[in-house]
Amino acid sequence: MKVILQQTVVKLGKAGDIVEASAGYYRNFLQPRKLAVLATGGTLKKREEDLATIQKKADAVHQAAQDLADKISALGSVKVTARVGEGGKLYGKITNKEIAQLIENEVGTPIDKRTIKTLEDVSSIGVFKVYVKLAPEVQAELNCEVSIEGGSPSASPAPQAVAAPEAAAAPAASSPVEA
């Protein structure tokens, strides 16, 4: 069945396009969300009239996404601190939700966690490339710098070194009892 899209639908088409969709997809997904209408004679005439309005709206959305992408790219990087275990591995991972929250705090505009993509898991100390896809043709790129919570890497082993002499003294005192 032919339908006219009222809004852009991912993997289907842009607003104003006439596309082929199954009856169930139209009835259960597109129509209830007002994403599409049936392509009849009357709606096709109305589409021609509304095409200019739809194009203006799409251009405004694209321009807003481009402006936001410029703001995000201007950040360059966001810094994250996390607890680290041995070997520089994080306890858990830095999630897209956390990265979105950091970008949102810096830019002041809500960012959906589903728009954030990383090429690899953010599960260790270092710098990771992050992509934010704001619209089909608009993408921002920035770095996510992961560092150790509470300071430098040398600060982490220091408490273990302090605890080690106390632990070494305790077994020495208990060794005559064991013998």
N, C-alpha and C. Protein backbone atom coordinates (compact mmCIF):
# COMPACT_ATOMS: atom_id res chain seq x y z
N MET A 1 0.85 -1.17 0.00
CA MET A 1 0.00 0.00 0.00
C MET A 1 0.89 1.23 0.00
N LYS A 2 0.48 2.22 -0.77
CA LYS A 2 1.26 3.45 -0.87
C LYS A 2 0.80 4.43 0.21
N VAL A 3 1.81 5.02 0.89
CA VAL A 3 1.53 5.99 1.94
C VAL A 3 2.41 7.22 1.72
N ILE A 4 1.96 8.34 2.26
CA ILE A 4 2.73 9.58 2.22
C ILE A 4 3.24 9.82 3.63
N LEU A 5 4.56 9.94 3.76
CA LEU A 5 5.16 10.16 5.07
C LEU A 5 4.95 11.61 5.52
N GLN A 6 4.49 11.77 6.73
CA GLN A 6 4.30 13.11 7.30
C GLN A 6 5.56 13.58 8.02
N GLN A 7 6.35 12.62 8.52
CA GLN A 7 7.61 12.91 9.19
C GLN A 7 8.65 11.93 8.68
N THR A 8 9.91 12.24 8.88
CA THR A 8 10.97 11.33 8.47
C THR A 8 10.93 10.08 9.33
N VAL A 9 10.98 8.93 8.68
CA VAL A 9 10.98 7.64 9.37
C VAL A 9 12.27 6.92 8.99
N VAL A 10 13.05 6.53 9.99
CA VAL A 10 14.33 5.87 9.76
C VAL A 10 14.12 4.60 8.94
N LYS A 11 14.96 4.40 7.96
CA LYS A 11 14.96 3.24 7.07
C LYS A 11 13.71 3.13 6.18
N LEU A 12 12.92 4.22 6.12
CA LEU A 12 11.75 4.20 5.24
C LEU A 12 11.77 5.38 4.28
N GLY A 13 11.94 6.59 4.79
CA GLY A 13 11.99 7.75 3.91
C GLY A 13 11.88 9.05 4.68
N LYS A 14 11.93 10.13 3.92
CA LYS A 14 11.85 11.47 4.49
C LYS A 14 10.42 11.97 4.43
N ALA A 15 10.14 13.03 5.18
CA ALA A 15 8.82 13.65 5.19
C ALA A 15 8.44 14.08 3.77
N GLY A 16 7.22 13.73 3.36
CA GLY A 16 6.74 14.09 2.03
C GLY A 16 6.94 13.01 0.99
N ASP A 17 7.75 11.99 1.28
CA ASP A 17 7.98 10.91 0.32
C ASP A 17 6.76 10.01 0.21
N ILE A 18 6.55 9.46 -0.98
CA ILE A 18 5.52 8.45 -1.19
C ILE A 18 6.25 7.11 -1.21
N VAL A 19 5.91 6.24 -0.24
CA VAL A 19 6.61 4.97 -0.12
C VAL A 19 5.62 3.82 -0.06
N GLU A 20 6.12 2.63 -0.30
CA GLU A 20 5.33 1.41 -0.21
C GLU A 20 5.53 0.83 1.19
N ALA A 21 4.42 0.56 1.90
CA ALA A 21 4.47 -0.02 3.24
C ALA A 21 3.40 -1.10 3.34
N SER A 22 3.68 -2.11 4.14
CA SER A 22 2.68 -3.17 4.31
C SER A 22 1.50 -2.62 5.11
N ALA A 23 0.36 -3.25 4.96
CA ALA A 23 -0.86 -2.79 5.62
C ALA A 23 -0.71 -2.82 7.14
N GLY A 24 -0.10 -3.87 7.66
CA GLY A 24 0.08 -3.99 9.12
C GLY A 24 1.02 -2.94 9.66
N TYR A 25 2.10 -2.66 8.95
CA TYR A 25 3.07 -1.65 9.39
C TYR A 25 2.41 -0.28 9.42
N TYR A 26 1.61 0.00 8.39
CA TYR A 26 0.89 1.28 8.36
C TYR A 26 -0.12 1.36 9.49
N ARG A 27 -0.95 0.32 9.63
CA ARG A 27 -2.05 0.34 10.59
C ARG A 27 -1.54 0.34 12.05
N ASN A 28 -0.48 -0.41 12.33
CA ASN A 28 -0.02 -0.58 13.71
C ASN A 28 1.07 0.38 14.14
N PHE A 29 1.84 0.91 13.20
CA PHE A 29 2.95 1.79 13.58
C PHE A 29 2.81 3.20 13.03
N LEU A 30 2.70 3.33 11.72
CA LEU A 30 2.74 4.64 11.09
C LEU A 30 1.51 5.48 11.39
N GLN A 31 0.31 4.92 11.22
CA GLN A 31 -0.91 5.69 11.40
C GLN A 31 -1.12 6.14 12.86
N PRO A 32 -0.99 5.27 13.88
CA PRO A 32 -1.22 5.74 15.26
C PRO A 32 -0.27 6.85 15.69
N ARG A 33 0.94 6.86 15.15
CA ARG A 33 1.92 7.87 15.52
C ARG A 33 1.86 9.09 14.59
N LYS A 34 0.89 9.08 13.66
CA LYS A 34 0.70 10.16 12.69
C LYS A 34 1.98 10.42 11.89
N LEU A 35 2.66 9.31 11.53
CA LEU A 35 3.86 9.42 10.71
C LEU A 35 3.55 9.35 9.22
N ALA A 36 2.36 8.81 8.87
CA ALA A 36 2.01 8.66 7.46
C ALA A 36 0.51 8.65 7.27
N VAL A 37 0.08 8.96 6.03
CA VAL A 37 -1.33 8.87 5.64
C VAL A 37 -1.40 8.10 4.33
N LEU A 38 -2.56 7.51 4.05
CA LEU A 38 -2.74 6.77 2.81
C LEU A 38 -2.60 7.71 1.62
N ALA A 39 -2.03 7.20 0.54
CA ALA A 39 -1.83 8.00 -0.68
C ALA A 39 -3.06 7.85 -1.57
N THR A 40 -4.07 8.68 -1.33
CA THR A 40 -5.27 8.72 -2.17
C THR A 40 -5.21 9.96 -3.04
N GLY A 41 -6.18 10.12 -3.92
CA GLY A 41 -6.20 11.29 -4.81
C GLY A 41 -6.18 12.60 -4.05
N GLY A 42 -7.01 12.70 -3.00
CA GLY A 42 -7.08 13.93 -2.22
C GLY A 42 -5.80 14.21 -1.45
N THR A 43 -5.23 13.16 -0.85
CA THR A 43 -4.00 13.38 -0.07
C THR A 43 -2.81 13.69 -0.97
N LEU A 44 -2.82 13.18 -2.19
CA LEU A 44 -1.75 13.51 -3.12
C LEU A 44 -1.79 14.98 -3.51
N LYS A 45 -3.02 15.53 -3.73
CA LYS A 45 -3.16 16.96 -4.03
C LYS A 45 -2.71 17.80 -2.84
N LYS A 46 -3.13 17.39 -1.66
CA LYS A 46 -2.75 18.11 -0.44
C LYS A 46 -1.24 18.05 -0.23
N ARG A 47 -0.64 16.91 -0.60
CA ARG A 47 0.82 16.75 -0.46
C ARG A 47 1.54 17.79 -1.30
N GLU A 48 1.08 18.01 -2.52
CA GLU A 48 1.72 19.00 -3.39
C GLU A 48 1.66 20.39 -2.76
N GLU A 49 0.53 20.69 -2.14
CA GLU A 49 0.38 22.00 -1.49
C GLU A 49 1.26 22.11 -0.25
N ASP A 50 1.35 21.01 0.50
CA ASP A 50 2.09 21.03 1.77
C ASP A 50 3.58 20.78 1.61
N LEU A 51 4.02 20.43 0.42
CA LEU A 51 5.41 20.09 0.21
C LEU A 51 6.36 21.23 0.59
N ALA A 52 5.98 22.46 0.27
CA ALA A 52 6.82 23.60 0.61
C ALA A 52 6.93 23.76 2.13
N THR A 53 5.81 23.58 2.83
CA THR A 53 5.81 23.69 4.29
C THR A 53 6.67 22.58 4.91
N ILE A 54 6.52 21.38 4.40
CA ILE A 54 7.30 20.25 4.90
C ILE A 54 8.79 20.50 4.67
N GLN A 55 9.13 21.04 3.52
CA GLN A 55 10.53 21.31 3.20
C GLN A 55 11.10 22.38 4.13
N LYS A 56 10.32 23.42 4.43
CA LYS A 56 10.78 24.46 5.36
C LYS A 56 11.02 23.88 6.74
N LYS A 57 10.09 23.02 7.18
CA LYS A 57 10.22 22.40 8.50
C LYS A 57 11.45 21.49 8.54
N ALA A 58 11.67 20.73 7.48
CA ALA A 58 12.84 19.84 7.41
C ALA A 58 14.14 20.65 7.40
N ASP A 59 14.14 21.76 6.68
CA ASP A 59 15.33 22.62 6.65
C ASP A 59 15.61 23.21 8.03
N ALA A 60 14.55 23.61 8.74
CA ALA A 60 14.73 24.17 10.08
C ALA A 60 15.30 23.12 11.04
N VAL A 61 14.79 21.91 10.96
CA VAL A 61 15.29 20.83 11.82
C VAL A 61 16.75 20.51 11.47
N HIS A 62 17.05 20.48 10.18
CA HIS A 62 18.41 20.20 9.74
C HIS A 62 19.37 21.30 10.21
N GLN A 63 18.93 22.56 10.11
CA GLN A 63 19.78 23.67 10.54
C GLN A 63 20.01 23.64 12.05
N ALA A 64 18.96 23.31 12.82
CA ALA A 64 19.11 23.21 14.28
C ALA A 64 20.08 22.08 14.64
N ALA A 65 19.98 20.96 13.93
CA ALA A 65 20.88 19.84 14.17
C ALA A 65 22.31 20.22 13.80
N GLN A 66 22.48 20.96 12.71
CA GLN A 66 23.81 21.39 12.29
C GLN A 66 24.43 22.34 13.31
N ASP A 67 23.62 23.27 13.84
CA ASP A 67 24.11 24.20 14.87
C ASP A 67 24.54 23.45 16.12
N LEU A 68 23.74 22.47 16.54
CA LEU A 68 24.07 21.67 17.71
C LEU A 68 25.34 20.85 17.45
N ALA A 69 25.48 20.32 16.24
CA ALA A 69 26.68 19.56 15.89
C ALA A 69 27.92 20.45 15.96
N ASP A 70 27.79 21.68 15.51
CA ASP A 70 28.91 22.62 15.58
C ASP A 70 29.30 22.90 17.03
N LYS A 71 28.29 23.07 17.91
CA LYS A 71 28.57 23.29 19.33
C LYS A 71 29.29 22.10 19.95
N ILE A 72 28.80 20.90 19.62
CA ILE A 72 29.39 19.69 20.19
C ILE A 72 30.81 19.50 19.68
N SER A 73 31.02 19.70 18.38
CA SER A 73 32.36 19.55 17.82
C SER A 73 33.32 20.59 18.38
N ALA A 74 32.80 21.78 18.70
CA ALA A 74 33.64 22.83 19.26
C ALA A 74 34.15 22.47 20.65
N LEU A 75 33.44 21.59 21.36
CA LEU A 75 33.91 21.16 22.67
C LEU A 75 35.27 20.48 22.56
N GLY A 76 35.47 19.71 21.51
CA GLY A 76 36.73 18.99 21.33
C GLY A 76 36.77 17.70 22.10
N SER A 77 36.53 17.79 23.41
CA SER A 77 36.53 16.56 24.22
C SER A 77 35.75 16.78 25.50
N VAL A 78 35.31 15.66 26.06
CA VAL A 78 34.69 15.66 27.38
C VAL A 78 35.54 14.79 28.28
N LYS A 79 35.65 15.16 29.54
CA LYS A 79 36.49 14.43 30.48
C LYS A 79 35.62 13.65 31.45
N VAL A 80 36.00 12.38 31.65
CA VAL A 80 35.30 11.48 32.55
C VAL A 80 36.31 10.93 33.54
N THR A 81 35.93 10.88 34.81
CA THR A 81 36.77 10.20 35.79
C THR A 81 36.05 8.95 36.24
N ALA A 82 36.82 7.88 36.47
CA ALA A 82 36.21 6.62 36.84
C ALA A 82 37.15 5.85 37.77
N ARG A 83 36.57 4.96 38.55
CA ARG A 83 37.36 4.09 39.41
C ARG A 83 38.05 3.05 38.54
N VAL A 84 39.30 2.77 38.89
CA VAL A 84 40.11 1.90 38.06
C VAL A 84 40.67 0.75 38.90
N GLY A 85 40.68 -0.43 38.31
CA GLY A 85 41.29 -1.59 38.95
C GLY A 85 42.71 -1.75 38.44
N GLU A 86 43.26 -2.94 38.65
CA GLU A 86 44.63 -3.20 38.20
C GLU A 86 44.69 -3.23 36.69
N GLY A 87 45.81 -2.79 36.15
CA GLY A 87 46.01 -2.81 34.71
C GLY A 87 45.29 -1.69 33.97
N GLY A 88 44.76 -0.72 34.68
CA GLY A 88 44.09 0.41 34.03
C GLY A 88 42.70 0.11 33.53
N LYS A 89 42.12 -1.02 33.92
CA LYS A 89 40.75 -1.36 33.49
C LYS A 89 39.75 -0.73 34.45
N LEU A 90 38.67 -0.25 33.89
CA LEU A 90 37.63 0.40 34.70
C LEU A 90 36.76 -0.63 35.40
N TYR A 91 36.18 -0.20 36.52
CA TYR A 91 35.13 -1.00 37.15
C TYR A 91 33.86 -0.68 36.37
N GLY A 92 33.46 -1.55 35.48
CA GLY A 92 32.32 -1.27 34.61
C GLY A 92 32.80 -0.56 33.36
N LYS A 93 31.89 0.10 32.68
CA LYS A 93 32.21 0.82 31.44
C LYS A 93 31.59 2.21 31.52
N ILE A 94 32.11 3.09 30.71
CA ILE A 94 31.51 4.41 30.54
C ILE A 94 30.42 4.21 29.49
N THR A 95 29.18 4.45 29.86
CA THR A 95 28.05 4.19 28.97
C THR A 95 27.72 5.40 28.11
N ASN A 96 26.94 5.16 27.07
CA ASN A 96 26.49 6.26 26.21
C ASN A 96 25.64 7.24 27.00
N LYS A 97 24.91 6.75 27.99
CA LYS A 97 24.09 7.62 28.83
C LYS A 97 24.97 8.60 29.60
N GLU A 98 26.08 8.13 30.13
CA GLU A 98 27.00 9.01 30.86
C GLU A 98 27.63 10.04 29.93
N ILE A 99 28.02 9.61 28.74
CA ILE A 99 28.61 10.53 27.76
C ILE A 99 27.57 11.58 27.34
N ALA A 100 26.33 11.13 27.12
CA ALA A 100 25.26 12.06 26.75
C ALA A 100 25.03 13.09 27.85
N GLN A 101 25.08 12.65 29.10
CA GLN A 101 24.89 13.56 30.24
C GLN A 101 26.01 14.61 30.28
N LEU A 102 27.25 14.18 30.04
CA LEU A 102 28.37 15.12 30.04
C LEU A 102 28.24 16.15 28.92
N ILE A 103 27.88 15.68 27.73
CA ILE A 103 27.70 16.60 26.60
C ILE A 103 26.55 17.56 26.88
N GLU A 104 25.48 17.03 27.44
CA GLU A 104 24.31 17.85 27.78
C GLU A 104 24.68 18.95 28.78
N ASN A 105 25.50 18.60 29.77
CA ASN A 105 25.93 19.59 30.77
C ASN A 105 26.78 20.68 30.13
N GLU A 106 27.61 20.31 29.16
CA GLU A 106 28.49 21.28 28.51
C GLU A 106 27.73 22.18 27.52
N VAL A 107 26.85 21.58 26.73
CA VAL A 107 26.17 22.30 25.65
C VAL A 107 24.89 22.96 26.14
N GLY A 108 24.19 22.31 27.07
CA GLY A 108 22.94 22.86 27.58
C GLY A 108 21.72 22.40 26.80
N THR A 109 21.88 21.45 25.91
CA THR A 109 20.78 20.91 25.11
C THR A 109 20.68 19.41 25.37
N PRO A 110 19.47 18.89 25.55
CA PRO A 110 19.34 17.45 25.79
C PRO A 110 19.87 16.63 24.61
N ILE A 111 20.62 15.58 24.94
CA ILE A 111 21.18 14.67 23.94
C ILE A 111 20.65 13.28 24.25
N ASP A 112 20.09 12.61 23.23
CA ASP A 112 19.58 11.26 23.42
C ASP A 112 20.74 10.28 23.40
N LYS A 113 20.76 9.36 24.36
CA LYS A 113 21.86 8.40 24.46
C LYS A 113 21.94 7.50 23.22
N ARG A 114 20.83 7.32 22.52
CA ARG A 114 20.83 6.45 21.33
C ARG A 114 21.53 7.09 20.14
N THR A 115 21.79 8.40 20.20
CA THR A 115 22.47 9.07 19.09
C THR A 115 23.99 8.96 19.21
N ILE A 116 24.48 8.45 20.33
CA ILE A 116 25.91 8.39 20.58
C ILE A 116 26.47 7.04 20.15
N LYS A 117 27.55 7.07 19.39
CA LYS A 117 28.21 5.86 18.93
C LYS A 117 29.70 5.96 19.25
N THR A 118 30.26 4.84 19.71
CA THR A 118 31.71 4.74 19.92
C THR A 118 32.21 3.57 19.08
N LEU A 119 33.44 3.68 18.59
CA LEU A 119 33.99 2.62 17.78
C LEU A 119 34.40 1.42 18.62
N GLU A 120 34.72 1.66 19.89
CA GLU A 120 35.11 0.59 20.79
C GLU A 120 34.52 0.86 22.18
N ASP A 121 34.48 -0.19 23.01
CA ASP A 121 33.96 -0.02 24.36
C ASP A 121 34.87 0.91 25.16
N VAL A 122 34.26 1.80 25.93
CA VAL A 122 35.02 2.70 26.78
C VAL A 122 35.16 2.00 28.13
N SER A 123 36.20 1.13 28.23
CA SER A 123 36.36 0.31 29.43
C SER A 123 37.77 0.38 30.00
N SER A 124 38.55 1.37 29.59
CA SER A 124 39.89 1.54 30.13
C SER A 124 40.26 3.02 30.10
N ILE A 125 41.40 3.33 30.68
CA ILE A 125 41.90 4.71 30.70
C ILE A 125 42.36 5.06 29.29
N GLY A 126 42.10 6.28 28.86
CA GLY A 126 42.56 6.72 27.55
C GLY A 126 41.62 7.70 26.89
N VAL A 127 41.83 7.91 25.61
CA VAL A 127 41.02 8.83 24.81
C VAL A 127 40.28 8.02 23.76
N PHE A 128 38.98 8.23 23.68
CA PHE A 128 38.13 7.46 22.77
C PHE A 128 37.37 8.43 21.87
N LYS A 129 37.22 8.05 20.60
CA LYS A 129 36.48 8.86 19.63
C LYS A 129 34.99 8.58 19.81
N VAL A 130 34.19 9.65 19.89
CA VAL A 130 32.74 9.55 20.08
C VAL A 130 32.06 10.29 18.94
N TYR A 131 31.04 9.66 18.36
CA TYR A 131 30.25 10.27 17.29
C TYR A 131 28.83 10.46 17.78
N VAL A 132 28.26 11.63 17.51
CA VAL A 132 26.89 11.94 17.87
C VAL A 132 26.13 12.20 16.58
N LYS A 133 25.20 11.29 16.24
CA LYS A 133 24.44 11.43 15.00
C LYS A 133 23.13 12.14 15.33
N LEU A 134 23.03 13.40 14.94
CA LEU A 134 21.90 14.25 15.29
C LEU A 134 20.78 14.22 14.25
N ALA A 135 21.12 13.96 13.01
CA ALA A 135 20.16 13.88 11.91
C ALA A 135 20.77 12.96 10.86
N PRO A 136 20.00 12.56 9.85
CA PRO A 136 20.55 11.63 8.87
C PRO A 136 21.87 12.09 8.22
N GLU A 137 22.03 13.36 7.94
CA GLU A 137 23.26 13.84 7.33
C GLU A 137 24.12 14.66 8.27
N VAL A 138 23.75 14.74 9.56
CA VAL A 138 24.46 15.61 10.50
C VAL A 138 25.05 14.76 11.61
N GLN A 139 26.38 14.87 11.76
CA GLN A 139 27.07 14.10 12.78
C GLN A 139 28.15 14.96 13.40
N ALA A 140 28.27 14.89 14.73
CA ALA A 140 29.32 15.61 15.44
C ALA A 140 30.34 14.60 15.93
N GLU A 141 31.57 15.05 16.07
CA GLU A 141 32.66 14.17 16.50
C GLU A 141 33.42 14.86 17.63
N LEU A 142 33.71 14.10 18.69
CA LEU A 142 34.52 14.61 19.77
C LEU A 142 35.22 13.47 20.46
N ASN A 143 36.13 13.80 21.38
CA ASN A 143 36.88 12.79 22.12
C ASN A 143 36.33 12.68 23.53
N CYS A 144 36.42 11.48 24.08
CA CYS A 144 36.06 11.23 25.48
C CYS A 144 37.34 10.82 26.19
N GLU A 145 37.80 11.65 27.11
CA GLU A 145 39.03 11.38 27.85
C GLU A 145 38.67 10.74 29.18
N VAL A 146 39.10 9.51 29.39
CA VAL A 146 38.82 8.79 30.62
C VAL A 146 40.07 8.84 31.49
N SER A 147 39.91 9.32 32.72
CA SER A 147 41.04 9.39 33.65
C SER A 147 40.66 8.75 34.98
N ILE A 148 41.66 8.58 35.82
CA ILE A 148 41.46 7.91 37.11
C ILE A 148 40.78 8.86 38.08
N GLU A 149 39.80 8.34 38.78
CA GLU A 149 39.07 9.10 39.78
C GLU A 149 40.00 9.39 40.95
N GLY A 150 40.09 10.65 41.36
CA GLY A 150 40.88 11.02 42.52
C GLY A 150 42.32 11.40 42.21
N GLY A 151 42.70 11.53 40.96
CA GLY A 151 44.04 12.04 40.68
C GLY A 151 44.82 11.19 39.71
N SER A 152 46.16 11.20 39.93
CA SER A 152 47.08 10.56 39.00
C SER A 152 47.18 9.06 39.25
N PRO A 153 47.71 8.31 38.30
CA PRO A 153 47.85 6.87 38.47
C PRO A 153 48.76 6.50 39.64
N SER A 154 49.70 7.37 40.01
CA SER A 154 50.60 7.05 41.12
C SER A 154 49.88 7.15 42.46
N ALA A 155 48.75 7.86 42.51
CA ALA A 155 48.00 7.98 43.76
C ALA A 155 47.30 6.68 44.12
N SER A 156 46.95 5.88 43.13
CA SER A 156 46.25 4.64 43.39
C SER A 156 47.11 3.59 44.09
N PRO A 157 48.37 3.33 43.67
CA PRO A 157 49.17 2.33 44.35
C PRO A 157 49.64 2.76 45.74
N ALA A 158 49.70 4.06 46.03
CA ALA A 158 50.21 4.54 47.31
C ALA A 158 49.44 3.98 48.50
N PRO A 159 48.10 3.98 48.54
CA PRO A 159 47.41 3.39 49.67
C PRO A 159 47.70 1.91 49.83
N GLN A 160 47.93 1.18 48.74
CA GLN A 160 48.26 -0.23 48.83
C GLN A 160 49.63 -0.39 49.46
N ALA A 161 50.57 0.50 49.14
CA ALA A 161 51.92 0.41 49.70
C ALA A 161 51.89 0.69 51.20
N VAL A 162 51.02 1.58 51.65
CA VAL A 162 50.90 1.88 53.08
C VAL A 162 50.30 0.69 53.81
N ALA A 163 49.33 0.04 53.20
CA ALA A 163 48.67 -1.09 53.83
C ALA A 163 49.58 -2.32 53.83
N ALA A 164 50.48 -2.44 52.89
CA ALA A 164 51.33 -3.61 52.77
C ALA A 164 52.27 -3.81 53.97
N PRO A 165 52.96 -2.76 54.52
CA PRO A 165 53.83 -2.99 55.68
C PRO A 165 53.04 -3.46 56.90
N GLU A 166 51.83 -2.95 57.08
CA GLU A 166 51.02 -3.40 58.22
C GLU A 166 50.64 -4.86 58.04
N ALA A 167 50.30 -5.24 56.84
CA ALA A 167 49.92 -6.61 56.56
C ALA A 167 51.14 -7.53 56.70
N ALA A 168 52.31 -7.05 56.33
CA ALA A 168 53.52 -7.87 56.44
C ALA A 168 53.91 -8.06 57.89
N ALA A 169 53.67 -7.05 58.74
CA ALA A 169 54.02 -7.15 60.16
C ALA A 169 53.11 -8.13 60.88
N ALA A 170 51.85 -8.19 60.52
CA ALA A 170 50.91 -9.09 61.18
C ALA A 170 51.28 -10.56 60.95
N PRO A 171 51.60 -11.02 59.75
CA PRO A 171 51.97 -12.42 59.58
C PRO A 171 53.26 -12.77 60.31
N ALA A 172 54.21 -11.83 60.43
CA ALA A 172 55.46 -12.10 61.12
C ALA A 172 55.20 -12.38 62.60
N ALA A 173 54.26 -11.68 63.17
CA ALA A 173 53.93 -11.89 64.60
C ALA A 173 53.21 -13.21 64.78
N SER A 174 52.45 -13.62 63.79
CA SER A 174 51.67 -14.86 63.94
C SER A 174 52.47 -16.08 63.52
N SER A 175 53.64 -15.93 62.90
CA SER A 175 54.40 -17.09 62.45
C SER A 175 54.93 -17.95 63.60
N PRO A 176 55.33 -17.39 64.77
CA PRO A 176 55.76 -18.31 65.85
C PRO A 176 54.60 -19.17 66.34
N VAL A 177 53.38 -18.67 66.26
CA VAL A 177 52.25 -19.43 66.72
C VAL A 177 52.02 -20.61 65.78
N GLU A 178 52.23 -20.39 64.49
CA GLU A 178 52.03 -21.44 63.51
C GLU A 178 53.08 -22.52 63.60
N ALA A 179 54.30 -22.18 64.06
CA ALA A 179 55.40 -23.13 64.07
C ALA A 179 55.30 -24.11 65.15
